[in-house]
N, C-alpha and C. Protein backbone atom coordinates (compact mmCIF):
# COMPACT_ATOMS: atom_id res chain seq x y z
N MET A 1 130.09 -123.65 43.48
CA MET A 1 131.11 -124.32 42.69
C MET A 1 130.44 -124.99 41.48
N GLN A 2 131.08 -124.89 40.37
CA GLN A 2 130.61 -125.49 39.12
C GLN A 2 130.80 -127.01 39.20
N LYS A 3 129.77 -127.77 38.87
CA LYS A 3 129.82 -129.21 39.00
C LYS A 3 130.59 -129.90 37.87
N ILE A 4 130.49 -129.38 36.65
CA ILE A 4 131.18 -129.96 35.49
C ILE A 4 132.17 -128.93 34.96
N THR A 5 133.41 -129.35 34.82
CA THR A 5 134.46 -128.45 34.33
C THR A 5 135.06 -129.03 33.05
N PRO A 6 134.90 -128.34 31.92
CA PRO A 6 135.53 -128.82 30.69
C PRO A 6 137.05 -128.82 30.85
N CYS A 7 137.69 -129.88 30.37
CA CYS A 7 139.13 -130.02 30.42
C CYS A 7 139.64 -130.17 28.99
N MET A 8 140.60 -129.34 28.63
CA MET A 8 141.19 -129.38 27.30
C MET A 8 142.59 -129.99 27.40
N TRP A 9 142.87 -130.96 26.56
CA TRP A 9 144.14 -131.69 26.57
C TRP A 9 145.09 -131.07 25.55
N PHE A 10 146.21 -130.59 26.03
CA PHE A 10 147.26 -130.04 25.18
C PHE A 10 148.49 -130.92 25.30
N GLU A 11 149.37 -130.81 24.35
CA GLU A 11 150.63 -131.54 24.43
C GLU A 11 151.53 -130.87 25.47
N THR A 12 151.81 -129.59 25.27
CA THR A 12 152.68 -128.85 26.20
C THR A 12 152.23 -127.41 26.43
N GLN A 13 151.13 -126.97 25.81
CA GLN A 13 150.76 -125.55 25.82
C GLN A 13 149.63 -125.20 26.79
N ALA A 14 149.35 -126.01 27.78
CA ALA A 14 148.21 -125.78 28.66
C ALA A 14 148.26 -124.42 29.34
N GLU A 15 149.38 -124.09 29.95
CA GLU A 15 149.48 -122.82 30.66
C GLU A 15 149.41 -121.64 29.69
N GLU A 16 150.09 -121.76 28.57
CA GLU A 16 150.06 -120.72 27.54
C GLU A 16 148.63 -120.50 27.04
N ALA A 17 147.91 -121.58 26.77
CA ALA A 17 146.54 -121.49 26.28
C ALA A 17 145.64 -120.84 27.33
N ALA A 18 145.77 -121.25 28.58
CA ALA A 18 144.95 -120.66 29.65
C ALA A 18 145.20 -119.16 29.74
N GLU A 19 146.46 -118.76 29.67
CA GLU A 19 146.79 -117.33 29.72
C GLU A 19 146.20 -116.59 28.52
N PHE A 20 146.22 -117.22 27.35
CA PHE A 20 145.63 -116.61 26.15
C PHE A 20 144.13 -116.42 26.34
N TYR A 21 143.41 -117.46 26.74
CA TYR A 21 141.97 -117.38 26.89
C TYR A 21 141.59 -116.32 27.94
N VAL A 22 142.33 -116.26 29.03
CA VAL A 22 142.06 -115.26 30.07
C VAL A 22 142.27 -113.85 29.52
N SER A 23 143.22 -113.68 28.59
CA SER A 23 143.46 -112.35 28.01
C SER A 23 142.37 -111.95 27.02
N VAL A 24 141.67 -112.91 26.44
CA VAL A 24 140.66 -112.63 25.42
C VAL A 24 139.31 -112.28 26.04
N PHE A 25 138.93 -112.95 27.12
CA PHE A 25 137.59 -112.80 27.68
C PHE A 25 137.62 -112.01 28.98
N GLU A 26 136.60 -111.14 29.13
CA GLU A 26 136.41 -110.42 30.39
C GLU A 26 135.97 -111.41 31.46
N ASN A 27 136.04 -110.98 32.72
CA ASN A 27 135.58 -111.80 33.83
C ASN A 27 136.33 -113.14 33.84
N SER A 28 137.65 -113.07 33.66
CA SER A 28 138.47 -114.27 33.51
C SER A 28 139.71 -114.18 34.38
N GLU A 29 140.19 -115.35 34.82
CA GLU A 29 141.41 -115.37 35.64
C GLU A 29 141.98 -116.78 35.70
N ILE A 30 143.28 -116.85 35.96
CA ILE A 30 143.94 -118.12 36.25
C ILE A 30 143.71 -118.39 37.73
N LEU A 31 143.19 -119.56 38.05
CA LEU A 31 142.93 -119.91 39.46
C LEU A 31 144.12 -120.61 40.09
N HIS A 32 144.71 -121.55 39.35
CA HIS A 32 145.82 -122.33 39.91
C HIS A 32 146.53 -123.06 38.78
N VAL A 33 147.83 -123.17 38.90
CA VAL A 33 148.62 -123.96 37.97
C VAL A 33 149.39 -124.99 38.80
N SER A 34 149.13 -126.27 38.55
CA SER A 34 149.93 -127.32 39.21
C SER A 34 151.08 -127.66 38.27
N ARG A 35 152.21 -128.02 38.86
CA ARG A 35 153.42 -128.23 38.08
C ARG A 35 154.04 -129.59 38.36
N TYR A 36 154.70 -130.12 37.34
CA TYR A 36 155.44 -131.36 37.50
C TYR A 36 156.63 -131.12 38.43
N GLY A 37 156.93 -132.11 39.25
CA GLY A 37 158.10 -132.06 40.12
C GLY A 37 159.23 -132.87 39.51
N GLU A 38 160.28 -133.03 40.27
CA GLU A 38 161.43 -133.84 39.83
C GLU A 38 160.97 -135.28 39.60
N GLY A 39 161.51 -135.89 38.57
CA GLY A 39 161.20 -137.29 38.29
C GLY A 39 159.90 -137.50 37.53
N GLY A 40 159.22 -136.41 37.18
CA GLY A 40 157.98 -136.54 36.42
C GLY A 40 158.27 -136.76 34.94
N PRO A 41 157.26 -136.99 34.16
CA PRO A 41 157.46 -137.24 32.74
C PRO A 41 157.82 -136.00 31.93
N MET A 42 157.69 -134.83 32.53
CA MET A 42 158.08 -133.58 31.87
C MET A 42 159.05 -132.85 32.79
N PRO A 43 159.80 -131.88 32.28
CA PRO A 43 160.76 -131.17 33.13
C PRO A 43 160.09 -130.55 34.35
N ALA A 44 160.78 -130.61 35.49
CA ALA A 44 160.27 -130.02 36.73
C ALA A 44 159.91 -128.56 36.48
N GLY A 45 158.76 -128.15 36.99
CA GLY A 45 158.29 -126.79 36.83
C GLY A 45 157.34 -126.60 35.66
N THR A 46 157.30 -127.57 34.74
CA THR A 46 156.38 -127.50 33.62
C THR A 46 154.95 -127.67 34.15
N ALA A 47 154.04 -126.90 33.59
CA ALA A 47 152.64 -126.99 34.04
C ALA A 47 152.09 -128.39 33.76
N LEU A 48 151.47 -128.97 34.76
CA LEU A 48 150.70 -130.21 34.59
C LEU A 48 149.28 -129.84 34.18
N ALA A 49 148.67 -128.92 34.95
CA ALA A 49 147.31 -128.48 34.64
C ALA A 49 147.14 -127.03 35.09
N ALA A 50 146.31 -126.32 34.35
CA ALA A 50 145.96 -124.95 34.71
C ALA A 50 144.45 -124.89 34.89
N ASP A 51 144.02 -124.45 36.04
CA ASP A 51 142.61 -124.21 36.32
C ASP A 51 142.37 -122.73 36.12
N PHE A 52 141.36 -122.40 35.31
CA PHE A 52 141.12 -121.00 34.99
C PHE A 52 139.64 -120.77 34.75
N VAL A 53 139.27 -119.51 34.71
CA VAL A 53 137.89 -119.10 34.45
C VAL A 53 137.91 -118.21 33.23
N ILE A 54 137.03 -118.51 32.26
CA ILE A 54 136.84 -117.59 31.13
C ILE A 54 135.38 -117.16 31.12
N ASP A 55 135.20 -115.87 31.28
CA ASP A 55 133.88 -115.24 31.34
C ASP A 55 132.94 -115.97 32.27
N GLY A 56 133.45 -116.31 33.44
CA GLY A 56 132.63 -116.93 34.47
C GLY A 56 132.53 -118.44 34.43
N VAL A 57 133.10 -119.09 33.41
CA VAL A 57 133.03 -120.55 33.28
C VAL A 57 134.39 -121.15 33.65
N GLN A 58 134.38 -122.03 34.65
CA GLN A 58 135.63 -122.66 35.05
C GLN A 58 136.04 -123.71 34.02
N MET A 59 137.31 -123.71 33.67
CA MET A 59 137.88 -124.62 32.68
C MET A 59 139.18 -125.20 33.26
N GLN A 60 139.68 -126.20 32.59
CA GLN A 60 140.99 -126.74 32.95
C GLN A 60 141.74 -127.06 31.66
N ALA A 61 143.03 -126.77 31.67
CA ALA A 61 143.91 -127.14 30.56
C ALA A 61 144.95 -128.08 31.13
N LEU A 62 145.17 -129.18 30.44
CA LEU A 62 146.06 -130.25 30.91
C LEU A 62 147.16 -130.47 29.88
N ASN A 63 148.39 -130.58 30.34
CA ASN A 63 149.48 -130.99 29.47
C ASN A 63 149.57 -132.51 29.51
N GLY A 64 149.13 -133.15 28.45
CA GLY A 64 149.09 -134.60 28.40
C GLY A 64 150.29 -135.23 27.73
N MET A 65 151.24 -134.41 27.28
CA MET A 65 152.50 -134.85 26.70
C MET A 65 152.37 -135.49 25.33
N GLN A 66 151.21 -135.84 24.93
CA GLN A 66 151.01 -136.51 23.66
C GLN A 66 149.85 -135.80 22.96
N ALA A 67 150.10 -135.34 21.75
CA ALA A 67 149.06 -134.62 21.02
C ALA A 67 147.93 -135.57 20.65
N VAL A 68 146.73 -135.22 21.06
CA VAL A 68 145.55 -135.99 20.65
C VAL A 68 144.66 -135.15 19.74
N GLY A 69 144.84 -133.84 19.77
CA GLY A 69 144.11 -132.96 18.87
C GLY A 69 142.68 -132.68 19.29
N PHE A 70 142.16 -131.62 18.75
CA PHE A 70 140.79 -131.21 18.98
C PHE A 70 140.02 -131.37 17.68
N THR A 71 138.71 -131.56 17.78
CA THR A 71 137.86 -131.62 16.60
C THR A 71 136.66 -130.72 16.81
N GLU A 72 135.92 -130.49 15.74
CA GLU A 72 134.71 -129.68 15.82
C GLU A 72 133.58 -130.39 16.57
N ALA A 73 133.78 -131.65 16.91
CA ALA A 73 132.74 -132.40 17.62
C ALA A 73 132.44 -131.77 18.98
N ILE A 74 133.41 -131.08 19.54
CA ILE A 74 133.20 -130.32 20.77
C ILE A 74 133.67 -128.91 20.48
N SER A 75 132.83 -127.92 20.78
CA SER A 75 133.22 -126.53 20.57
C SER A 75 132.74 -125.71 21.76
N LEU A 76 133.30 -124.53 21.88
CA LEU A 76 132.88 -123.58 22.89
C LEU A 76 132.06 -122.51 22.18
N SER A 77 130.80 -122.37 22.56
CA SER A 77 129.89 -121.44 21.92
C SER A 77 129.79 -120.19 22.77
N VAL A 78 130.03 -119.04 22.15
CA VAL A 78 130.06 -117.77 22.85
C VAL A 78 128.96 -116.87 22.29
N SER A 79 128.05 -116.45 23.14
CA SER A 79 126.99 -115.53 22.75
C SER A 79 127.51 -114.10 22.81
N THR A 80 127.26 -113.35 21.73
CA THR A 80 127.67 -111.95 21.69
C THR A 80 126.46 -111.06 21.45
N GLU A 81 126.54 -109.83 21.93
CA GLU A 81 125.43 -108.88 21.82
C GLU A 81 125.59 -107.91 20.66
N THR A 82 126.84 -107.54 20.34
CA THR A 82 127.07 -106.49 19.35
C THR A 82 128.07 -106.97 18.29
N GLN A 83 128.10 -106.23 17.18
CA GLN A 83 129.10 -106.53 16.16
C GLN A 83 130.50 -106.26 16.68
N GLU A 84 130.65 -105.23 17.48
CA GLU A 84 131.96 -104.91 18.05
C GLU A 84 132.49 -106.08 18.89
N GLU A 85 131.64 -106.64 19.74
CA GLU A 85 132.04 -107.78 20.56
C GLU A 85 132.33 -109.00 19.68
N THR A 86 131.48 -109.23 18.69
CA THR A 86 131.68 -110.34 17.75
C THR A 86 133.03 -110.20 17.05
N ASP A 87 133.29 -109.02 16.53
CA ASP A 87 134.55 -108.76 15.82
C ASP A 87 135.76 -108.94 16.73
N ARG A 88 135.68 -108.40 17.94
CA ARG A 88 136.82 -108.47 18.87
C ARG A 88 137.17 -109.92 19.20
N LEU A 89 136.15 -110.71 19.53
CA LEU A 89 136.41 -112.11 19.87
C LEU A 89 136.88 -112.90 18.65
N TRP A 90 136.24 -112.67 17.50
CA TRP A 90 136.62 -113.36 16.26
C TRP A 90 138.08 -113.07 15.94
N ASP A 91 138.44 -111.78 15.98
CA ASP A 91 139.80 -111.39 15.63
C ASP A 91 140.82 -111.96 16.62
N ALA A 92 140.51 -111.93 17.90
CA ALA A 92 141.44 -112.45 18.91
C ALA A 92 141.62 -113.96 18.76
N LEU A 93 140.53 -114.67 18.56
CA LEU A 93 140.62 -116.14 18.50
C LEU A 93 141.18 -116.66 17.19
N THR A 94 141.07 -115.89 16.11
CA THR A 94 141.65 -116.33 14.83
C THR A 94 143.07 -115.79 14.63
N SER A 95 143.55 -114.96 15.55
CA SER A 95 144.88 -114.38 15.40
C SER A 95 145.97 -115.43 15.55
N ASP A 96 147.12 -115.13 15.02
CA ASP A 96 148.33 -115.92 15.25
C ASP A 96 148.16 -117.40 14.89
N GLY A 97 147.51 -117.66 13.76
CA GLY A 97 147.40 -119.04 13.30
C GLY A 97 146.04 -119.68 13.45
N GLY A 98 145.05 -118.95 13.98
CA GLY A 98 143.70 -119.49 14.03
C GLY A 98 143.12 -119.59 12.63
N GLU A 99 142.01 -120.32 12.50
CA GLU A 99 141.40 -120.54 11.18
C GLU A 99 139.92 -120.20 11.21
N GLU A 100 139.50 -119.40 10.25
CA GLU A 100 138.07 -119.12 10.09
C GLU A 100 137.40 -120.32 9.45
N SER A 101 136.16 -120.57 9.84
CA SER A 101 135.35 -121.59 9.19
C SER A 101 134.06 -120.91 8.77
N MET A 102 133.00 -121.66 8.63
CA MET A 102 131.72 -121.12 8.16
C MET A 102 130.73 -120.95 9.30
N CYS A 103 129.79 -120.04 9.08
CA CYS A 103 128.61 -119.88 9.94
C CYS A 103 128.96 -119.56 11.39
N GLY A 104 130.00 -118.75 11.60
CA GLY A 104 130.36 -118.35 12.95
C GLY A 104 131.32 -119.28 13.67
N TRP A 105 131.81 -120.32 12.98
CA TRP A 105 132.74 -121.26 13.59
C TRP A 105 134.17 -120.86 13.26
N LEU A 106 135.08 -121.16 14.17
CA LEU A 106 136.50 -120.93 13.95
C LEU A 106 137.29 -121.91 14.80
N LYS A 107 138.57 -122.03 14.48
CA LYS A 107 139.52 -122.75 15.34
C LYS A 107 140.58 -121.75 15.77
N ASP A 108 140.92 -121.77 17.06
CA ASP A 108 141.97 -120.88 17.52
C ASP A 108 143.35 -121.48 17.20
N LYS A 109 144.39 -120.80 17.58
CA LYS A 109 145.75 -121.24 17.25
C LYS A 109 146.12 -122.57 17.88
N TYR A 110 145.36 -123.04 18.85
CA TYR A 110 145.61 -124.33 19.49
C TYR A 110 144.77 -125.45 18.87
N GLY A 111 143.87 -125.08 17.96
CA GLY A 111 143.01 -126.06 17.32
C GLY A 111 141.67 -126.25 18.01
N VAL A 112 141.39 -125.47 19.05
CA VAL A 112 140.11 -125.55 19.76
C VAL A 112 139.03 -124.86 18.92
N SER A 113 137.89 -125.51 18.75
CA SER A 113 136.78 -124.96 17.96
C SER A 113 135.89 -124.07 18.82
N TRP A 114 135.51 -122.96 18.24
CA TRP A 114 134.64 -121.98 18.88
C TRP A 114 133.51 -121.62 17.93
N GLN A 115 132.38 -121.26 18.50
CA GLN A 115 131.26 -120.66 17.76
C GLN A 115 131.04 -119.27 18.34
N ILE A 116 131.14 -118.25 17.52
CA ILE A 116 130.86 -116.89 17.96
C ILE A 116 129.47 -116.57 17.43
N VAL A 117 128.50 -116.53 18.33
CA VAL A 117 127.08 -116.52 17.96
C VAL A 117 126.39 -115.26 18.48
N PRO A 118 126.23 -114.26 17.60
CA PRO A 118 125.47 -113.08 18.01
C PRO A 118 124.03 -113.45 18.37
N THR A 119 123.46 -112.74 19.32
CA THR A 119 122.10 -113.04 19.76
C THR A 119 121.08 -112.88 18.64
N VAL A 120 121.42 -112.13 17.59
CA VAL A 120 120.50 -111.98 16.45
C VAL A 120 120.21 -113.33 15.78
N MET A 121 121.01 -114.32 16.05
CA MET A 121 120.81 -115.63 15.43
C MET A 121 119.50 -116.28 15.86
N HIS A 122 118.85 -115.76 16.89
CA HIS A 122 117.53 -116.27 17.27
C HIS A 122 116.53 -116.11 16.12
N LEU A 123 116.82 -115.19 15.20
CA LEU A 123 115.92 -114.98 14.05
C LEU A 123 115.81 -116.23 13.18
N LEU A 124 116.81 -117.09 13.22
CA LEU A 124 116.77 -118.32 12.42
C LEU A 124 115.64 -119.24 12.85
N GLY A 125 115.17 -119.07 14.07
CA GLY A 125 114.07 -119.89 14.57
C GLY A 125 112.74 -119.17 14.59
N ASP A 126 112.65 -118.05 13.91
CA ASP A 126 111.41 -117.28 13.88
C ASP A 126 110.29 -118.11 13.27
N PRO A 127 109.06 -117.98 13.77
CA PRO A 127 107.93 -118.73 13.21
C PRO A 127 107.63 -118.38 11.74
N ASP A 128 108.00 -117.18 11.31
CA ASP A 128 107.81 -116.81 9.90
C ASP A 128 108.92 -117.48 9.10
N GLN A 129 108.60 -118.61 8.50
CA GLN A 129 109.60 -119.43 7.81
C GLN A 129 110.27 -118.70 6.65
N GLU A 130 109.57 -117.81 6.00
CA GLU A 130 110.17 -117.05 4.89
C GLU A 130 111.27 -116.14 5.40
N LYS A 131 110.97 -115.40 6.47
CA LYS A 131 111.97 -114.50 7.05
C LYS A 131 113.15 -115.30 7.63
N ALA A 132 112.83 -116.35 8.37
CA ALA A 132 113.88 -117.17 8.97
C ALA A 132 114.75 -117.80 7.88
N GLY A 133 114.13 -118.22 6.79
CA GLY A 133 114.87 -118.82 5.68
C GLY A 133 115.84 -117.85 5.03
N ARG A 134 115.40 -116.60 4.88
CA ARG A 134 116.29 -115.58 4.31
C ARG A 134 117.48 -115.34 5.24
N ALA A 135 117.23 -115.28 6.53
CA ALA A 135 118.32 -115.09 7.49
C ALA A 135 119.27 -116.29 7.46
N MET A 136 118.72 -117.49 7.35
CA MET A 136 119.54 -118.70 7.27
C MET A 136 120.42 -118.68 6.03
N GLN A 137 119.85 -118.32 4.90
CA GLN A 137 120.62 -118.26 3.66
C GLN A 137 121.75 -117.24 3.75
N ALA A 138 121.49 -116.11 4.38
CA ALA A 138 122.54 -115.10 4.57
C ALA A 138 123.66 -115.66 5.44
N MET A 139 123.28 -116.34 6.54
CA MET A 139 124.28 -116.91 7.44
C MET A 139 125.13 -117.96 6.74
N MET A 140 124.52 -118.75 5.88
CA MET A 140 125.24 -119.84 5.21
C MET A 140 126.36 -119.32 4.30
N ARG A 141 126.32 -118.07 3.93
CA ARG A 141 127.36 -117.48 3.08
C ARG A 141 128.47 -116.80 3.89
N MET A 142 128.33 -116.78 5.20
CA MET A 142 129.26 -116.04 6.06
C MET A 142 130.28 -116.95 6.73
N LYS A 143 131.40 -116.37 7.04
CA LYS A 143 132.33 -116.98 7.99
C LYS A 143 131.99 -116.32 9.32
N LYS A 144 132.57 -115.15 9.60
CA LYS A 144 132.17 -114.39 10.78
C LYS A 144 130.76 -113.86 10.54
N ILE A 145 129.90 -113.92 11.54
CA ILE A 145 128.53 -113.45 11.42
C ILE A 145 128.51 -111.92 11.43
N ILE A 146 127.83 -111.37 10.45
CA ILE A 146 127.64 -109.92 10.35
C ILE A 146 126.18 -109.65 10.73
N ILE A 147 126.00 -109.09 11.88
CA ILE A 147 124.66 -108.90 12.46
C ILE A 147 123.75 -108.11 11.52
N ALA A 148 124.23 -107.01 10.98
CA ALA A 148 123.40 -106.16 10.11
C ALA A 148 122.94 -106.93 8.87
N ASP A 149 123.77 -107.81 8.34
CA ASP A 149 123.40 -108.58 7.15
C ASP A 149 122.35 -109.64 7.46
N ILE A 150 122.44 -110.24 8.64
CA ILE A 150 121.41 -111.22 9.06
C ILE A 150 120.08 -110.49 9.24
N GLN A 151 120.11 -109.34 9.91
CA GLN A 151 118.89 -108.58 10.15
C GLN A 151 118.29 -108.11 8.83
N ALA A 152 119.12 -107.61 7.93
CA ALA A 152 118.64 -107.13 6.62
C ALA A 152 117.99 -108.26 5.82
N ALA A 153 118.62 -109.43 5.82
CA ALA A 153 118.03 -110.58 5.12
C ALA A 153 116.69 -110.96 5.74
N PHE A 154 116.63 -110.98 7.05
CA PHE A 154 115.39 -111.30 7.76
C PHE A 154 114.29 -110.31 7.37
N ASP A 155 114.65 -109.02 7.32
CA ASP A 155 113.69 -107.97 7.01
C ASP A 155 113.33 -107.89 5.54
N GLY A 156 114.05 -108.64 4.70
CA GLY A 156 113.78 -108.63 3.27
C GLY A 156 114.40 -107.45 2.56
N ALA A 157 115.37 -106.82 3.18
CA ALA A 157 116.01 -105.64 2.58
C ALA A 157 117.08 -106.02 1.58
C-alpha cells in the first residue's frame, strides 16, 4: 500500500476528473467513489471523493464544494520515453480547455499543473556544460518538449 496519497480538491468535478485521468494513462483505474447521502452539503449521490490509480500511483479527488484552485506550486511530473508518448499525453491533457505553458509544463482542463518530461531531459545535467547549455537553450524556447530538437541542440547540429 502506498503511504502518501496526493489528494486534489475540486469544487464538484472530482469523479469526472478521476475518470478523465484514468482514461489518459495506462495502468489506471477507479478504486472507489464515496458519495454524499441525504442531508449532506451536496445532493445525495454526488461524489464526495474518488480514489483512483493513474499509471500505478494512487490518487484521490475530493469534492470540497468551494473552489480553491490549483497552482503551479504543485505539479504532477510524468516521465516519457518517446515523442509519441509525449505527444499523446500532451494532447490529451491540454484538450478541451487545457493550457500549454513553457518547458514541458501545462495545465489540464481542471487547472491541475503537469510536467511532461521526456527522459532525454537528462542531457540538461550532462557534465559537458557547452552541450548541456545548448540543450537547455533549446528547451527554453519550447512549450511541448520535442525530443529530436533537444538531442540536436545537445549534439551541436
